[in-house]
Amino acid sequence: FMGDSAGGIDGNTVLRLAEEVKQLCDIGVQVGLV
């Protein structure tokens, strides 16, 4: 979640990861996240 920063949350990085998860859902995969 940090992206290129030293810590915390980078919003653009989280959104990119969310897009990967959304692609899975769009093809019918049931997704759990930890």
PDB file of all heavy atoms in Angstrom:
ATOM      1  N   PHE A   1       0.812  -1.218   0.000  1.00  0.00           N
ATOM      2  CA  PHE A   1       0.000   0.000   0.000  1.00  0.00           C
ATOM      3  C   PHE A   1       0.848   1.272   0.000  1.00  0.00           C
ATOM      4  O   PHE A   1       0.323   2.362  -0.184  1.00  0.00           O
ATOM      5  CB  PHE A   1      -0.923   0.026   1.221  1.00  0.00           C
ATOM      6  CG  PHE A   1      -2.188  -0.780   1.061  1.00  0.00           C
ATOM      7  CD1 PHE A   1      -2.265  -1.831   0.165  1.00  0.00           C
ATOM      8  CD2 PHE A   1      -3.306  -0.489   1.823  1.00  0.00           C
ATOM      9  CE1 PHE A   1      -3.422  -2.570   0.022  1.00  0.00           C
ATOM     10  CE2 PHE A   1      -4.479  -1.221   1.681  1.00  0.00           C
ATOM     11  CZ  PHE A   1      -4.532  -2.269   0.774  1.00  0.00           C
ATOM     12  N   MET A   2       2.147   1.139   0.221  1.00  0.00           N
ATOM     13  CA  MET A   2       2.985   2.328   0.398  1.00  0.00           C
ATOM     14  C   MET A   2       3.347   2.992  -0.917  1.00  0.00           C
ATOM     15  O   MET A   2       3.679   4.176  -0.933  1.00  0.00           O
ATOM     16  CB  MET A   2       4.270   1.956   1.142  1.00  0.00           C
ATOM     17  CG  MET A   2       4.050   1.455   2.546  1.00  0.00           C
ATOM     18  SD  MET A   2       5.595   1.321   3.501  1.00  0.00           S
ATOM     19  CE  MET A   2       6.568   0.218   2.467  1.00  0.00           C
ATOM     20  N   GLY A   3       3.318   2.242  -2.008  1.00  0.00           N
ATOM     21  CA  GLY A   3       3.813   2.801  -3.264  1.00  0.00           C
ATOM     22  C   GLY A   3       5.296   3.097  -3.145  1.00  0.00           C
ATOM     23  O   GLY A   3       6.058   2.259  -2.662  1.00  0.00           O
ATOM     24  N   ASP A   4       5.709   4.284  -3.531  1.00  0.00           N
ATOM     25  CA  ASP A   4       7.120   4.666  -3.449  1.00  0.00           C
ATOM     26  C   ASP A   4       7.444   5.420  -2.172  1.00  0.00           C
ATOM     27  O   ASP A   4       8.579   5.876  -1.991  1.00  0.00           O
ATOM     28  CB  ASP A   4       7.500   5.537  -4.657  1.00  0.00           C
ATOM     29  CG  ASP A   4       7.404   4.773  -5.967  1.00  0.00           C
ATOM     30  OD1 ASP A   4       7.681   3.562  -5.959  1.00  0.00           O
ATOM     31  OD2 ASP A   4       7.031   5.389  -6.995  1.00  0.00           O
ATOM     32  N   SER A   5       6.461   5.563  -1.295  1.00  0.00           N
ATOM     33  CA  SER A   5       6.697   6.300  -0.056  1.00  0.00           C
ATOM     34  C   SER A   5       7.322   5.385   0.998  1.00  0.00           C
ATOM     35  O   SER A   5       7.388   4.172   0.841  1.00  0.00           O
ATOM     36  CB  SER A   5       5.386   6.892   0.473  1.00  0.00           C
ATOM     37  OG  SER A   5       4.436   5.869   0.713  1.00  0.00           O
ATOM     38  N   ALA A   6       7.760   5.989   2.088  1.00  0.00           N
ATOM     39  CA  ALA A   6       8.437   5.237   3.145  1.00  0.00           C
ATOM     40  C   ALA A   6       7.473   4.557   4.099  1.00  0.00           C
ATOM     41  O   ALA A   6       7.868   3.714   4.903  1.00  0.00           O
ATOM     42  CB  ALA A   6       9.364   6.171   3.924  1.00  0.00           C
ATOM     43  N   GLY A   7       6.215   4.896   4.023  1.00  0.00           N
ATOM     44  CA  GLY A   7       5.218   4.305   4.911  1.00  0.00           C
ATOM     45  C   GLY A   7       3.852   4.903   4.638  1.00  0.00           C
ATOM     46  O   GLY A   7       3.686   5.750   3.756  1.00  0.00           O
ATOM     47  N   GLY A   8       2.867   4.444   5.384  1.00  0.00           N
ATOM     48  CA  GLY A   8       1.515   4.960   5.215  1.00  0.00           C
ATOM     49  C   GLY A   8       0.819   4.370   4.000  1.00  0.00           C
ATOM     50  O   GLY A   8       1.142   3.275   3.539  1.00  0.00           O
ATOM     51  N   ILE A   9      -0.154   5.104   3.463  1.00  0.00           N
ATOM     52  CA  ILE A   9      -0.997   4.613   2.383  1.00  0.00           C
ATOM     53  C   ILE A   9      -0.919   5.554   1.191  1.00  0.00           C
ATOM     54  O   ILE A   9      -1.171   6.749   1.324  1.00  0.00           O
ATOM     55  CB  ILE A   9      -2.463   4.496   2.855  1.00  0.00           C
ATOM     56  CG1 ILE A   9      -2.580   3.487   4.004  1.00  0.00           C
ATOM     57  CG2 ILE A   9      -3.381   4.090   1.703  1.00  0.00           C
ATOM     58  CD1 ILE A   9      -3.956   3.438   4.650  1.00  0.00           C
ATOM     59  N   ASP A  10      -0.574   5.012   0.036  1.00  0.00           N
ATOM     60  CA  ASP A  10      -0.584   5.770  -1.205  1.00  0.00           C
ATOM     61  C   ASP A  10      -1.885   5.451  -1.939  1.00  0.00           C
ATOM     62  O   ASP A  10      -2.111   4.312  -2.363  1.00  0.00           O
ATOM     63  CB  ASP A  10       0.621   5.393  -2.069  1.00  0.00           C
ATOM     64  CG  ASP A  10       0.632   6.135  -3.394  1.00  0.00           C
ATOM     65  OD1 ASP A  10       0.990   7.321  -3.399  1.00  0.00           O
ATOM     66  OD2 ASP A  10       0.255   5.527  -4.424  1.00  0.00           O
ATOM     67  N   GLY A  11      -2.748   6.457  -2.084  1.00  0.00           N
ATOM     68  CA  GLY A  11      -4.080   6.244  -2.640  1.00  0.00           C
ATOM     69  C   GLY A  11      -4.066   5.662  -4.036  1.00  0.00           C
ATOM     70  O   GLY A  11      -4.863   4.765  -4.364  1.00  0.00           O
ATOM     71  N   ASN A  12      -3.164   6.113  -4.891  1.00  0.00           N
ATOM     72  CA  ASN A  12      -3.101   5.607  -6.262  1.00  0.00           C
ATOM     73  C   ASN A  12      -2.697   4.143  -6.304  1.00  0.00           C
ATOM     74  O   ASN A  12      -3.188   3.366  -7.130  1.00  0.00           O
ATOM     75  CB  ASN A  12      -2.114   6.443  -7.090  1.00  0.00           C
ATOM     76  CG  ASN A  12      -2.637   7.847  -7.357  1.00  0.00           C
ATOM     77  OD1 ASN A  12      -3.844   8.055  -7.471  1.00  0.00           O
ATOM     78  ND2 ASN A  12      -1.730   8.814  -7.450  1.00  0.00           N
ATOM     79  N   THR A  13      -1.789   3.760  -5.399  1.00  0.00           N
ATOM     80  CA  THR A  13      -1.360   2.361  -5.338  1.00  0.00           C
ATOM     81  C   THR A  13      -2.506   1.465  -4.891  1.00  0.00           C
ATOM     82  O   THR A  13      -2.732   0.392  -5.463  1.00  0.00           O
ATOM     83  CB  THR A  13      -0.167   2.212  -4.383  1.00  0.00           C
ATOM     84  OG1 THR A  13       0.922   3.011  -4.843  1.00  0.00           O
ATOM     85  CG2 THR A  13       0.274   0.760  -4.298  1.00  0.00           C
ATOM     86  N   VAL A  14      -3.235   1.898  -3.868  1.00  0.00           N
ATOM     87  CA  VAL A  14      -4.374   1.107  -3.390  1.00  0.00           C
ATOM     88  C   VAL A  14      -5.423   0.979  -4.489  1.00  0.00           C
ATOM     89  O   VAL A  14      -6.016  -0.089  -4.694  1.00  0.00           O
ATOM     90  CB  VAL A  14      -4.979   1.743  -2.124  1.00  0.00           C
ATOM     91  CG1 VAL A  14      -6.209   0.952  -1.662  1.00  0.00           C
ATOM     92  CG2 VAL A  14      -3.945   1.785  -1.004  1.00  0.00           C
ATOM     93  N   LEU A  15      -5.651   2.046  -5.225  1.00  0.00           N
ATOM     94  CA  LEU A  15      -6.631   1.997  -6.312  1.00  0.00           C
ATOM     95  C   LEU A  15      -6.191   1.016  -7.393  1.00  0.00           C
ATOM     96  O   LEU A  15      -7.014   0.270  -7.930  1.00  0.00           O
ATOM     97  CB  LEU A  15      -6.815   3.389  -6.916  1.00  0.00           C
ATOM     98  CG  LEU A  15      -7.859   3.491  -8.041  1.00  0.00           C
ATOM     99  CD1 LEU A  15      -9.244   3.080  -7.537  1.00  0.00           C
ATOM    100  CD2 LEU A  15      -7.897   4.900  -8.616  1.00  0.00           C
ATOM    101  N   ARG A  16      -4.899   0.977  -7.701  1.00  0.00           N
ATOM    102  CA  ARG A  16      -4.418   0.026  -8.703  1.00  0.00           C
ATOM    103  C   ARG A  16      -4.645  -1.414  -8.250  1.00  0.00           C
ATOM    104  O   ARG A  16      -5.065  -2.278  -9.026  1.00  0.00           O
ATOM    105  CB  ARG A  16      -2.929   0.244  -8.983  1.00  0.00           C
ATOM    106  CG  ARG A  16      -2.400  -0.639 -10.111  1.00  0.00           C
ATOM    107  CD  ARG A  16      -0.898  -0.619 -10.197  1.00  0.00           C
ATOM    108  NE  ARG A  16      -0.267  -1.271  -9.067  1.00  0.00           N
ATOM    109  CZ  ARG A  16      -0.159  -2.595  -8.940  1.00  0.00           C
ATOM    110  NH1 ARG A  16      -0.678  -3.402  -9.846  1.00  0.00           N
ATOM    111  NH2 ARG A  16       0.460  -3.108  -7.897  1.00  0.00           N
ATOM    112  N   LEU A  17      -4.382  -1.672  -6.965  1.00  0.00           N
ATOM    113  CA  LEU A  17      -4.620  -3.007  -6.427  1.00  0.00           C
ATOM    114  C   LEU A  17      -6.112  -3.338  -6.446  1.00  0.00           C
ATOM    115  O   LEU A  17      -6.519  -4.464  -6.748  1.00  0.00           O
ATOM    116  CB  LEU A  17      -4.077  -3.098  -5.004  1.00  0.00           C
ATOM    117  CG  LEU A  17      -2.554  -2.968  -4.863  1.00  0.00           C
ATOM    118  CD1 LEU A  17      -2.160  -2.861  -3.397  1.00  0.00           C
ATOM    119  CD2 LEU A  17      -1.856  -4.148  -5.517  1.00  0.00           C
ATOM    120  N   ALA A  18      -6.937  -2.330  -6.133  1.00  0.00           N
ATOM    121  CA  ALA A  18      -8.390  -2.532  -6.169  1.00  0.00           C
ATOM    122  C   ALA A  18      -8.860  -2.871  -7.577  1.00  0.00           C
ATOM    123  O   ALA A  18      -9.771  -3.693  -7.765  1.00  0.00           O
ATOM    124  CB  ALA A  18      -9.106  -1.284  -5.649  1.00  0.00           C
ATOM    125  N   GLU A  19      -8.249  -2.249  -8.579  1.00  0.00           N
ATOM    126  CA  GLU A  19      -8.616  -2.543  -9.967  1.00  0.00           C
ATOM    127  C   GLU A  19      -8.317  -4.003 -10.320  1.00  0.00           C
ATOM    128  O   GLU A  19      -9.076  -4.651 -11.054  1.00  0.00           O
ATOM    129  CB  GLU A  19      -7.866  -1.600 -10.912  1.00  0.00           C
ATOM    130  CG  GLU A  19      -8.381  -0.161 -10.850  1.00  0.00           C
ATOM    131  CD  GLU A  19      -7.500   0.815 -11.596  1.00  0.00           C
ATOM    132  OE1 GLU A  19      -6.330   0.433 -11.916  1.00  0.00           O
ATOM    133  OE2 GLU A  19      -7.943   1.953 -11.855  1.00  0.00           O
ATOM    134  N   GLU A  20      -7.210  -4.527  -9.784  1.00  0.00           N
ATOM    135  CA  GLU A  20      -6.877  -5.943 -10.008  1.00  0.00           C
ATOM    136  C   GLU A  20      -7.945  -6.844  -9.393  1.00  0.00           C
ATOM    137  O   GLU A  20      -8.370  -7.835  -9.994  1.00  0.00           O
ATOM    138  CB  GLU A  20      -5.508  -6.256  -9.397  1.00  0.00           C
ATOM    139  CG  GLU A  20      -4.354  -5.501 -10.011  1.00  0.00           C
ATOM    140  CD  GLU A  20      -3.651  -6.289 -11.114  1.00  0.00           C
ATOM    141  OE1 GLU A  20      -3.833  -7.518 -11.209  1.00  0.00           O
ATOM    142  OE2 GLU A  20      -2.922  -5.655 -11.890  1.00  0.00           O
ATOM    143  N   VAL A  21      -8.393  -6.492  -8.196  1.00  0.00           N
ATOM    144  CA  VAL A  21      -9.438  -7.283  -7.523  1.00  0.00           C
ATOM    145  C   VAL A  21     -10.753  -7.179  -8.284  1.00  0.00           C
ATOM    146  O   VAL A  21     -11.467  -8.169  -8.479  1.00  0.00           O
ATOM    147  CB  VAL A  21      -9.609  -6.809  -6.061  1.00  0.00           C
ATOM    148  CG1 VAL A  21     -10.783  -7.523  -5.393  1.00  0.00           C
ATOM    149  CG2 VAL A  21      -8.322  -7.050  -5.273  1.00  0.00           C
ATOM    150  N   LYS A  22     -11.071  -5.974  -8.749  1.00  0.00           N
ATOM    151  CA  LYS A  22     -12.321  -5.764  -9.490  1.00  0.00           C
ATOM    152  C   LYS A  22     -12.351  -6.617 -10.763  1.00  0.00           C
ATOM    153  O   LYS A  22     -13.395  -7.164 -11.135  1.00  0.00           O
ATOM    154  CB  LYS A  22     -12.464  -4.283  -9.842  1.00  0.00           C
ATOM    155  CG  LYS A  22     -13.725  -3.923 -10.638  1.00  0.00           C
ATOM    156  CD  LYS A  22     -14.988  -4.093  -9.813  1.00  0.00           C
ATOM    157  CE  LYS A  22     -16.185  -3.365 -10.414  1.00  0.00           C
ATOM    158  NZ  LYS A  22     -16.549  -3.833 -11.756  1.00  0.00           N
ATOM    159  N   GLN A  23     -11.217  -6.750 -11.430  1.00  0.00           N
ATOM    160  CA  GLN A  23     -11.146  -7.586 -12.623  1.00  0.00           C
ATOM    161  C   GLN A  23     -11.520  -9.032 -12.309  1.00  0.00           C
ATOM    162  O   GLN A  23     -12.187  -9.701 -13.108  1.00  0.00           O
ATOM    163  CB  GLN A  23      -9.734  -7.539 -13.219  1.00  0.00           C
ATOM    164  CG  GLN A  23      -9.370  -6.220 -13.879  1.00  0.00           C
ATOM    165  CD  GLN A  23      -7.948  -6.217 -14.400  1.00  0.00           C
ATOM    166  OE1 GLN A  23      -7.278  -7.253 -14.424  1.00  0.00           O
ATOM    167  NE2 GLN A  23      -7.480  -5.050 -14.818  1.00  0.00           N
ATOM    168  N   LEU A  24     -11.091  -9.509 -11.150  1.00  0.00           N
ATOM    169  CA  LEU A  24     -11.439 -10.875 -10.742  1.00  0.00           C
ATOM    170  C   LEU A  24     -12.941 -11.014 -10.540  1.00  0.00           C
ATOM    171  O   LEU A  24     -13.560 -11.987 -10.991  1.00  0.00           O
ATOM    172  CB  LEU A  24     -10.702 -11.248  -9.454  1.00  0.00           C
ATOM    173  CG  LEU A  24      -9.170 -11.229  -9.500  1.00  0.00           C
ATOM    174  CD1 LEU A  24      -8.596 -11.502  -8.116  1.00  0.00           C
ATOM    175  CD2 LEU A  24      -8.647 -12.249 -10.499  1.00  0.00           C
ATOM    176  N   CYS A  25     -13.525 -10.035  -9.871  1.00  0.00           N
ATOM    177  CA  CYS A  25     -14.966 -10.071  -9.610  1.00  0.00           C
ATOM    178  C   CYS A  25     -15.751 -10.022 -10.917  1.00  0.00           C
ATOM    179  O   CYS A  25     -16.784 -10.698 -11.057  1.00  0.00           O
ATOM    180  CB  CYS A  25     -15.374  -8.911  -8.710  1.00  0.00           C
ATOM    181  SG  CYS A  25     -14.591  -8.936  -7.080  1.00  0.00           S
ATOM    182  N   ASP A  26     -15.265  -9.263 -11.881  1.00  0.00           N
ATOM    183  CA  ASP A  26     -15.974  -9.093 -13.156  1.00  0.00           C
ATOM    184  C   ASP A  26     -16.052 -10.392 -13.955  1.00  0.00           C
ATOM    185  O   ASP A  26     -16.944 -10.548 -14.791  1.00  0.00           O
ATOM    186  CB  ASP A  26     -15.297  -8.005 -13.997  1.00  0.00           C
ATOM    187  CG  ASP A  26     -15.530  -6.606 -13.446  1.00  0.00           C
ATOM    188  OD1 ASP A  26     -16.432  -6.448 -12.610  1.00  0.00           O
ATOM    189  OD2 ASP A  26     -14.799  -5.680 -13.848  1.00  0.00           O
ATOM    190  N   ILE A  27     -15.117 -11.326 -13.715  1.00  0.00           N
ATOM    191  CA  ILE A  27     -15.176 -12.607 -14.429  1.00  0.00           C
ATOM    192  C   ILE A  27     -15.803 -13.706 -13.578  1.00  0.00           C
ATOM    193  O   ILE A  27     -15.804 -14.874 -13.968  1.00  0.00           O
ATOM    194  CB  ILE A  27     -13.780 -13.046 -14.932  1.00  0.00           C
ATOM    195  CG1 ILE A  27     -12.807 -13.229 -13.760  1.00  0.00           C
ATOM    196  CG2 ILE A  27     -13.231 -12.044 -15.938  1.00  0.00           C
ATOM    197  CD1 ILE A  27     -11.452 -13.826 -14.183  1.00  0.00           C
ATOM    198  N   GLY A  28     -16.335 -13.315 -12.396  1.00  0.00           N
ATOM    199  CA  GLY A  28     -17.091 -14.270 -11.594  1.00  0.00           C
ATOM    200  C   GLY A  28     -16.363 -14.917 -10.441  1.00  0.00           C
ATOM    201  O   GLY A  28     -16.871 -15.849  -9.822  1.00  0.00           O
ATOM    202  N   VAL A  29     -15.154 -14.433 -10.118  1.00  0.00           N
ATOM    203  CA  VAL A  29     -14.409 -14.997  -8.991  1.00  0.00           C
ATOM    204  C   VAL A  29     -14.913 -14.397  -7.679  1.00  0.00           C
ATOM    205  O   VAL A  29     -15.149 -13.193  -7.593  1.00  0.00           O
ATOM    206  CB  VAL A  29     -12.897 -14.719  -9.133  1.00  0.00           C
ATOM    207  CG1 VAL A  29     -12.128 -15.358  -7.974  1.00  0.00           C
ATOM    208  CG2 VAL A  29     -12.376 -15.243 -10.469  1.00  0.00           C
ATOM    209  N   GLN A  30     -15.092 -15.237  -6.679  1.00  0.00           N
ATOM    210  CA  GLN A  30     -15.443 -14.764  -5.337  1.00  0.00           C
ATOM    211  C   GLN A  30     -14.135 -14.507  -4.591  1.00  0.00           C
ATOM    212  O   GLN A  30     -13.311 -15.407  -4.442  1.00  0.00           O
ATOM    213  CB  GLN A  30     -16.288 -15.812  -4.613  1.00  0.00           C
ATOM    214  CG  GLN A  30     -17.629 -16.077  -5.292  1.00  0.00           C
ATOM    215  CD  GLN A  30     -18.405 -17.195  -4.630  1.00  0.00           C
ATOM    216  OE1 GLN A  30     -17.967 -17.798  -3.651  1.00  0.00           O
ATOM    217  NE2 GLN A  30     -19.589 -17.487  -5.166  1.00  0.00           N
ATOM    218  N   VAL A  31     -13.951 -13.269  -4.131  1.00  0.00           N
ATOM    219  CA  VAL A  31     -12.651 -12.845  -3.595  1.00  0.00           C
ATOM    220  C   VAL A  31     -12.747 -12.469  -2.124  1.00  0.00           C
ATOM    221  O   VAL A  31     -13.543 -11.614  -1.732  1.00  0.00           O
ATOM    222  CB  VAL A  31     -12.098 -11.636  -4.386  1.00  0.00           C
ATOM    223  CG1 VAL A  31     -10.713 -11.255  -3.865  1.00  0.00           C
ATOM    224  CG2 VAL A  31     -12.031 -11.952  -5.880  1.00  0.00           C
ATOM    225  N   GLY A  32     -11.900 -13.109  -1.335  1.00  0.00           N
ATOM    226  CA  GLY A  32     -11.671 -12.694   0.041  1.00  0.00           C
ATOM    227  C   GLY A  32     -10.290 -12.083   0.136  1.00  0.00           C
ATOM    228  O   GLY A  32      -9.367 -12.493  -0.584  1.00  0.00           O
ATOM    229  N   LEU A  33     -10.132 -11.080   0.981  1.00  0.00           N
ATOM    230  CA  LEU A  33      -8.847 -10.388   1.129  1.00  0.00           C
ATOM    231  C   LEU A  33      -8.408 -10.371   2.590  1.00  0.00           C
ATOM    232  O   LEU A  33      -9.230 -10.168   3.491  1.00  0.00           O
ATOM    233  CB  LEU A  33      -8.960  -8.936   0.659  1.00  0.00           C
ATOM    234  CG  LEU A  33      -9.000  -8.622  -0.834  1.00  0.00           C
ATOM    235  CD1 LEU A  33      -9.305  -7.148  -1.037  1.00  0.00           C
ATOM    236  CD2 LEU A  33      -7.688  -8.978  -1.486  1.00  0.00           C
ATOM    237  N   VAL A  34      -7.134 -10.594   2.804  1.00  0.00           N
ATOM    238  CA  VAL A  34      -6.497 -10.303   4.087  1.00  0.00           C
ATOM    239  C   VAL A  34      -5.327  -9.383   3.781  1.00  0.00           C
ATOM    240  O   VAL A  34      -4.509  -9.677   2.913  1.00  0.00           O
ATOM    241  CB  VAL A  34      -6.010 -11.580   4.799  1.00  0.00           C
ATOM    242  CG1 VAL A  34      -5.123 -11.218   5.992  1.00  0.00           C
ATOM    243  CG2 VAL A  34      -7.196 -12.421   5.263  1.00  0.00           C
TER     244      VAL A  34
END
